[in-house]
């Protein structure tokens, strides 16, 4: 079974070297099973996701999905969001852009 790790506005409180260590733990663990990491953090907290983002909008957080398989990672930007998903703007879904409200 695939393991899913989710957090929102957590890693911003962790030092950058510990964030990288966390990602390393997920990569290592993915040698035994696939892992999906869903993160909702400000730009720069997960640099690999931030690198995929266009210029910031009023939606300040980045909803990212990182897939880990056999120690390798693949990052995707899913949406811009407000903290804790009160409102998210998804950049793509079947070729369409849309808003999500929670």
N, C-alpha and C. Protein backbone atom coordinates (compact mmCIF):
# COMPACT_ATOMS: atom_id res chain seq x y z
N UNK A 1 0.84 -1.19 0.00
CA UNK A 1 0.00 0.00 0.00
C UNK A 1 0.88 1.24 0.00
N UNK A 2 0.40 2.26 -0.66
CA UNK A 2 1.12 3.53 -0.75
C UNK A 2 0.89 4.33 0.54
N UNK A 3 1.95 4.89 1.08
CA UNK A 3 1.88 5.73 2.27
C UNK A 3 1.66 7.18 1.84
N UNK A 4 0.72 7.88 2.49
CA UNK A 4 0.47 9.29 2.21
C UNK A 4 0.84 10.09 3.45
N UNK A 5 1.68 11.11 3.25
CA UNK A 5 2.10 12.03 4.31
C UNK A 5 1.51 13.39 3.96
N UNK A 6 0.78 14.00 4.91
CA UNK A 6 0.12 15.27 4.67
C UNK A 6 0.44 16.24 5.80
N UNK A 7 0.65 17.51 5.43
CA UNK A 7 0.77 18.57 6.45
C UNK A 7 0.44 19.91 5.83
N UNK A 8 0.07 20.84 6.68
CA UNK A 8 -0.26 22.19 6.25
C UNK A 8 0.32 23.17 7.25
N UNK A 9 1.18 24.07 6.76
CA UNK A 9 1.77 25.13 7.58
C UNK A 9 2.51 24.57 8.79
N UNK A 10 3.30 23.53 8.57
CA UNK A 10 4.08 22.92 9.65
C UNK A 10 5.57 23.12 9.42
N UNK A 11 6.06 22.79 8.23
CA UNK A 11 7.50 22.82 7.99
C UNK A 11 8.08 24.23 8.02
N UNK A 12 7.22 25.24 7.93
CA UNK A 12 7.71 26.60 8.03
C UNK A 12 8.35 26.87 9.39
N UNK A 13 8.01 26.07 10.40
CA UNK A 13 8.56 26.22 11.75
C UNK A 13 9.80 25.36 11.98
N UNK A 14 10.22 24.64 10.96
CA UNK A 14 11.37 23.72 11.06
C UNK A 14 12.54 24.33 10.30
N UNK A 15 13.74 24.20 10.85
CA UNK A 15 14.93 24.74 10.19
C UNK A 15 15.15 24.08 8.83
N UNK A 16 15.66 24.85 7.86
CA UNK A 16 15.83 24.30 6.50
C UNK A 16 16.61 22.99 6.43
N UNK A 17 17.65 22.83 7.22
CA UNK A 17 18.41 21.57 7.16
C UNK A 17 17.58 20.39 7.65
N UNK A 18 16.69 20.63 8.61
CA UNK A 18 15.82 19.56 9.10
C UNK A 18 14.70 19.24 8.09
N UNK A 19 14.27 20.26 7.33
CA UNK A 19 13.30 20.01 6.25
C UNK A 19 13.90 19.08 5.21
N UNK A 20 15.15 19.35 4.85
CA UNK A 20 15.84 18.50 3.87
C UNK A 20 16.02 17.09 4.43
N UNK A 21 16.32 17.00 5.71
CA UNK A 21 16.46 15.68 6.34
C UNK A 21 15.13 14.92 6.30
N UNK A 22 14.03 15.63 6.53
CA UNK A 22 12.69 15.01 6.47
C UNK A 22 12.44 14.44 5.07
N UNK A 23 12.73 15.24 4.05
CA UNK A 23 12.56 14.75 2.67
C UNK A 23 13.47 13.55 2.41
N UNK A 24 14.66 13.56 2.99
CA UNK A 24 15.57 12.42 2.85
C UNK A 24 15.02 11.15 3.48
N UNK A 25 14.38 11.30 4.63
CA UNK A 25 13.75 10.14 5.29
C UNK A 25 12.65 9.56 4.40
N UNK A 26 11.84 10.45 3.80
CA UNK A 26 10.79 9.96 2.90
C UNK A 26 11.38 9.26 1.69
N UNK A 27 12.44 9.83 1.12
CA UNK A 27 13.09 9.20 -0.03
C UNK A 27 13.63 7.82 0.34
N UNK A 28 14.29 7.73 1.48
CA UNK A 28 14.84 6.43 1.92
C UNK A 28 13.72 5.41 2.14
N UNK A 29 12.64 5.84 2.79
CA UNK A 29 11.53 4.93 3.08
C UNK A 29 10.85 4.46 1.79
N UNK A 30 10.94 5.27 0.72
CA UNK A 30 10.28 4.90 -0.53
C UNK A 30 11.00 3.75 -1.25
N UNK A 31 12.12 3.33 -0.74
CA UNK A 31 12.79 2.15 -1.31
C UNK A 31 12.02 0.87 -0.97
N UNK A 32 11.17 0.94 0.08
CA UNK A 32 10.38 -0.22 0.48
C UNK A 32 8.92 -0.11 0.03
N UNK A 33 8.41 1.13 -0.11
CA UNK A 33 7.03 1.35 -0.56
C UNK A 33 6.90 2.76 -1.09
N UNK A 34 6.02 2.95 -2.06
CA UNK A 34 5.81 4.28 -2.63
C UNK A 34 5.22 5.22 -1.58
N UNK A 35 5.62 6.48 -1.67
CA UNK A 35 5.14 7.50 -0.73
C UNK A 35 4.64 8.70 -1.52
N UNK A 36 3.51 9.24 -1.11
CA UNK A 36 2.98 10.49 -1.64
C UNK A 36 3.04 11.51 -0.51
N UNK A 37 3.70 12.62 -0.76
CA UNK A 37 3.84 13.69 0.23
C UNK A 37 3.02 14.88 -0.27
N UNK A 38 1.98 15.24 0.48
CA UNK A 38 1.16 16.42 0.18
C UNK A 38 1.53 17.51 1.16
N UNK A 39 1.96 18.65 0.64
CA UNK A 39 2.38 19.75 1.50
C UNK A 39 1.64 21.02 1.12
N UNK A 40 1.33 21.83 2.11
CA UNK A 40 0.73 23.15 1.90
C UNK A 40 1.56 24.13 2.73
N UNK A 41 2.52 24.76 2.06
CA UNK A 41 3.49 25.60 2.76
C UNK A 41 3.74 26.88 1.97
N UNK A 42 4.29 27.91 2.64
CA UNK A 42 4.66 29.13 1.92
C UNK A 42 5.78 28.84 0.93
N UNK A 43 5.92 29.68 -0.10
CA UNK A 43 7.02 29.50 -1.06
C UNK A 43 8.37 29.46 -0.34
N UNK A 44 9.24 28.57 -0.81
CA UNK A 44 10.58 28.46 -0.24
C UNK A 44 10.72 27.39 0.82
N UNK A 45 9.62 26.97 1.41
CA UNK A 45 9.70 25.94 2.45
C UNK A 45 9.98 24.58 1.84
N UNK A 46 9.33 24.28 0.74
CA UNK A 46 9.63 23.09 -0.05
C UNK A 46 10.15 23.63 -1.39
N UNK A 47 11.46 23.87 -1.49
CA UNK A 47 12.02 24.57 -2.65
C UNK A 47 11.70 23.90 -3.99
N UNK A 48 11.62 22.59 -4.01
CA UNK A 48 11.36 21.87 -5.25
C UNK A 48 9.96 22.19 -5.78
N UNK A 49 9.00 22.40 -4.90
CA UNK A 49 7.65 22.78 -5.30
C UNK A 49 7.62 24.27 -5.66
N UNK A 50 8.30 25.09 -4.87
CA UNK A 50 8.33 26.54 -5.12
C UNK A 50 8.93 26.84 -6.50
N UNK A 51 9.89 26.04 -6.93
CA UNK A 51 10.52 26.26 -8.23
C UNK A 51 9.53 26.09 -9.38
N UNK A 52 8.43 25.40 -9.14
CA UNK A 52 7.42 25.16 -10.17
C UNK A 52 6.34 26.24 -10.21
N UNK A 53 6.36 27.14 -9.23
CA UNK A 53 5.28 28.12 -9.09
C UNK A 53 5.50 29.35 -9.94
N UNK A 54 4.43 29.85 -10.56
CA UNK A 54 4.51 31.15 -11.24
C UNK A 54 4.54 32.25 -10.17
N UNK A 55 4.61 33.51 -10.59
CA UNK A 55 4.60 34.60 -9.59
C UNK A 55 3.43 34.47 -8.63
N UNK A 56 3.68 34.86 -7.39
CA UNK A 56 2.68 34.71 -6.34
C UNK A 56 1.44 35.55 -6.59
N UNK A 57 0.34 35.02 -6.13
CA UNK A 57 -0.94 35.71 -6.14
C UNK A 57 -1.29 36.04 -4.69
N UNK A 58 -2.52 36.47 -4.46
CA UNK A 58 -2.95 36.71 -3.08
C UNK A 58 -3.07 35.41 -2.30
N UNK A 59 -3.05 34.29 -3.00
CA UNK A 59 -3.06 32.97 -2.35
C UNK A 59 -1.61 32.62 -2.07
N UNK A 60 -1.21 32.70 -0.83
CA UNK A 60 0.20 32.72 -0.48
C UNK A 60 0.84 31.35 -0.30
N UNK A 61 0.09 30.29 -0.20
CA UNK A 61 0.66 28.97 0.05
C UNK A 61 0.66 28.14 -1.22
N UNK A 62 1.54 27.15 -1.24
CA UNK A 62 1.67 26.25 -2.38
C UNK A 62 1.27 24.84 -1.96
N UNK A 63 0.28 24.30 -2.63
CA UNK A 63 -0.13 22.93 -2.40
C UNK A 63 0.68 22.06 -3.35
N UNK A 64 1.54 21.25 -2.80
CA UNK A 64 2.41 20.42 -3.61
C UNK A 64 2.19 18.94 -3.37
N UNK A 65 2.51 18.17 -4.41
CA UNK A 65 2.49 16.71 -4.29
C UNK A 65 3.85 16.21 -4.75
N UNK A 66 4.50 15.47 -3.87
CA UNK A 66 5.79 14.87 -4.19
C UNK A 66 5.62 13.36 -4.13
N UNK A 67 5.95 12.71 -5.23
CA UNK A 67 5.89 11.26 -5.30
C UNK A 67 7.29 10.70 -5.12
N UNK A 68 7.45 9.81 -4.16
CA UNK A 68 8.73 9.14 -3.94
C UNK A 68 8.58 7.68 -4.33
N UNK A 69 9.47 7.22 -5.18
CA UNK A 69 9.51 5.82 -5.60
C UNK A 69 10.97 5.40 -5.72
N UNK A 70 11.34 4.32 -5.06
CA UNK A 70 12.71 3.80 -5.13
C UNK A 70 13.76 4.87 -4.84
N UNK A 71 13.48 5.74 -3.88
CA UNK A 71 14.43 6.77 -3.47
C UNK A 71 14.46 8.00 -4.34
N UNK A 72 13.67 8.02 -5.41
CA UNK A 72 13.62 9.17 -6.33
C UNK A 72 12.35 9.97 -6.07
N UNK A 73 12.43 11.28 -6.31
CA UNK A 73 11.27 12.13 -6.08
C UNK A 73 10.84 12.81 -7.37
N UNK A 74 9.53 13.08 -7.45
CA UNK A 74 8.96 13.85 -8.55
C UNK A 74 7.96 14.83 -7.93
N UNK A 75 8.21 16.12 -8.11
CA UNK A 75 7.40 17.17 -7.48
C UNK A 75 6.42 17.76 -8.47
N UNK A 76 5.24 18.13 -7.96
CA UNK A 76 4.21 18.80 -8.74
C UNK A 76 3.60 19.91 -7.90
N UNK A 77 3.29 21.02 -8.54
CA UNK A 77 2.51 22.08 -7.91
C UNK A 77 1.06 21.83 -8.28
N UNK A 78 0.21 21.60 -7.29
CA UNK A 78 -1.20 21.33 -7.55
C UNK A 78 -2.04 22.60 -7.52
N UNK A 79 -1.69 23.55 -6.62
CA UNK A 79 -2.54 24.74 -6.48
C UNK A 79 -1.83 25.80 -5.66
N UNK A 80 -2.31 27.04 -5.81
CA UNK A 80 -2.02 28.10 -4.85
C UNK A 80 -3.14 28.03 -3.81
N UNK A 81 -2.84 28.31 -2.56
CA UNK A 81 -3.86 28.18 -1.52
C UNK A 81 -3.62 29.19 -0.40
N UNK A 82 -4.69 29.45 0.35
CA UNK A 82 -4.55 30.15 1.62
C UNK A 82 -4.17 29.11 2.65
N UNK A 83 -3.63 29.55 3.74
CA UNK A 83 -3.21 28.63 4.79
C UNK A 83 -4.41 27.75 5.18
N UNK A 84 -4.16 26.49 5.38
CA UNK A 84 -5.15 25.48 5.79
C UNK A 84 -6.30 25.33 4.80
N UNK A 85 -6.06 25.66 3.53
CA UNK A 85 -7.00 25.37 2.45
C UNK A 85 -8.34 26.10 2.52
N UNK A 86 -8.43 27.25 3.15
CA UNK A 86 -9.70 27.97 3.16
C UNK A 86 -10.15 28.26 1.72
N UNK A 87 -9.17 28.52 0.86
CA UNK A 87 -9.47 28.72 -0.54
C UNK A 87 -8.25 28.30 -1.34
N UNK A 88 -8.45 27.54 -2.37
CA UNK A 88 -7.32 27.10 -3.19
C UNK A 88 -7.65 27.34 -4.66
N UNK A 89 -6.64 27.72 -5.40
CA UNK A 89 -6.78 27.92 -6.83
C UNK A 89 -5.95 26.84 -7.50
N UNK A 90 -6.59 25.88 -8.10
CA UNK A 90 -5.87 24.81 -8.78
C UNK A 90 -5.48 25.31 -10.17
N UNK A 91 -4.27 25.09 -10.53
CA UNK A 91 -3.76 25.58 -11.80
C UNK A 91 -4.21 24.72 -12.97
N UNK A 92 -4.45 23.45 -12.73
CA UNK A 92 -4.84 22.61 -13.84
C UNK A 92 -5.62 21.38 -13.34
N UNK A 93 -6.57 20.99 -14.10
CA UNK A 93 -7.32 19.77 -13.86
C UNK A 93 -8.00 19.46 -15.18
N UNK A 94 -7.53 18.46 -15.86
CA UNK A 94 -8.04 18.13 -17.19
C UNK A 94 -7.99 19.35 -18.12
N UNK A 95 -6.91 20.13 -17.99
CA UNK A 95 -6.71 21.27 -18.87
C UNK A 95 -7.47 22.53 -18.46
N UNK A 96 -8.24 22.48 -17.40
CA UNK A 96 -9.03 23.64 -16.96
C UNK A 96 -8.47 24.18 -15.64
N UNK A 97 -8.62 25.49 -15.43
CA UNK A 97 -8.29 26.10 -14.15
C UNK A 97 -9.56 26.24 -13.35
N UNK A 98 -9.46 26.10 -12.02
CA UNK A 98 -10.65 26.20 -11.20
C UNK A 98 -10.30 26.60 -9.78
N UNK A 99 -11.33 27.05 -9.05
CA UNK A 99 -11.21 27.43 -7.63
C UNK A 99 -11.83 26.34 -6.77
N UNK A 100 -11.25 26.16 -5.61
CA UNK A 100 -11.81 25.24 -4.63
C UNK A 100 -12.02 26.03 -3.35
N UNK A 101 -13.18 25.98 -2.76
CA UNK A 101 -13.43 26.63 -1.46
C UNK A 101 -13.67 25.56 -0.41
N UNK A 102 -13.14 25.78 0.77
CA UNK A 102 -13.34 24.82 1.86
C UNK A 102 -13.92 25.52 3.07
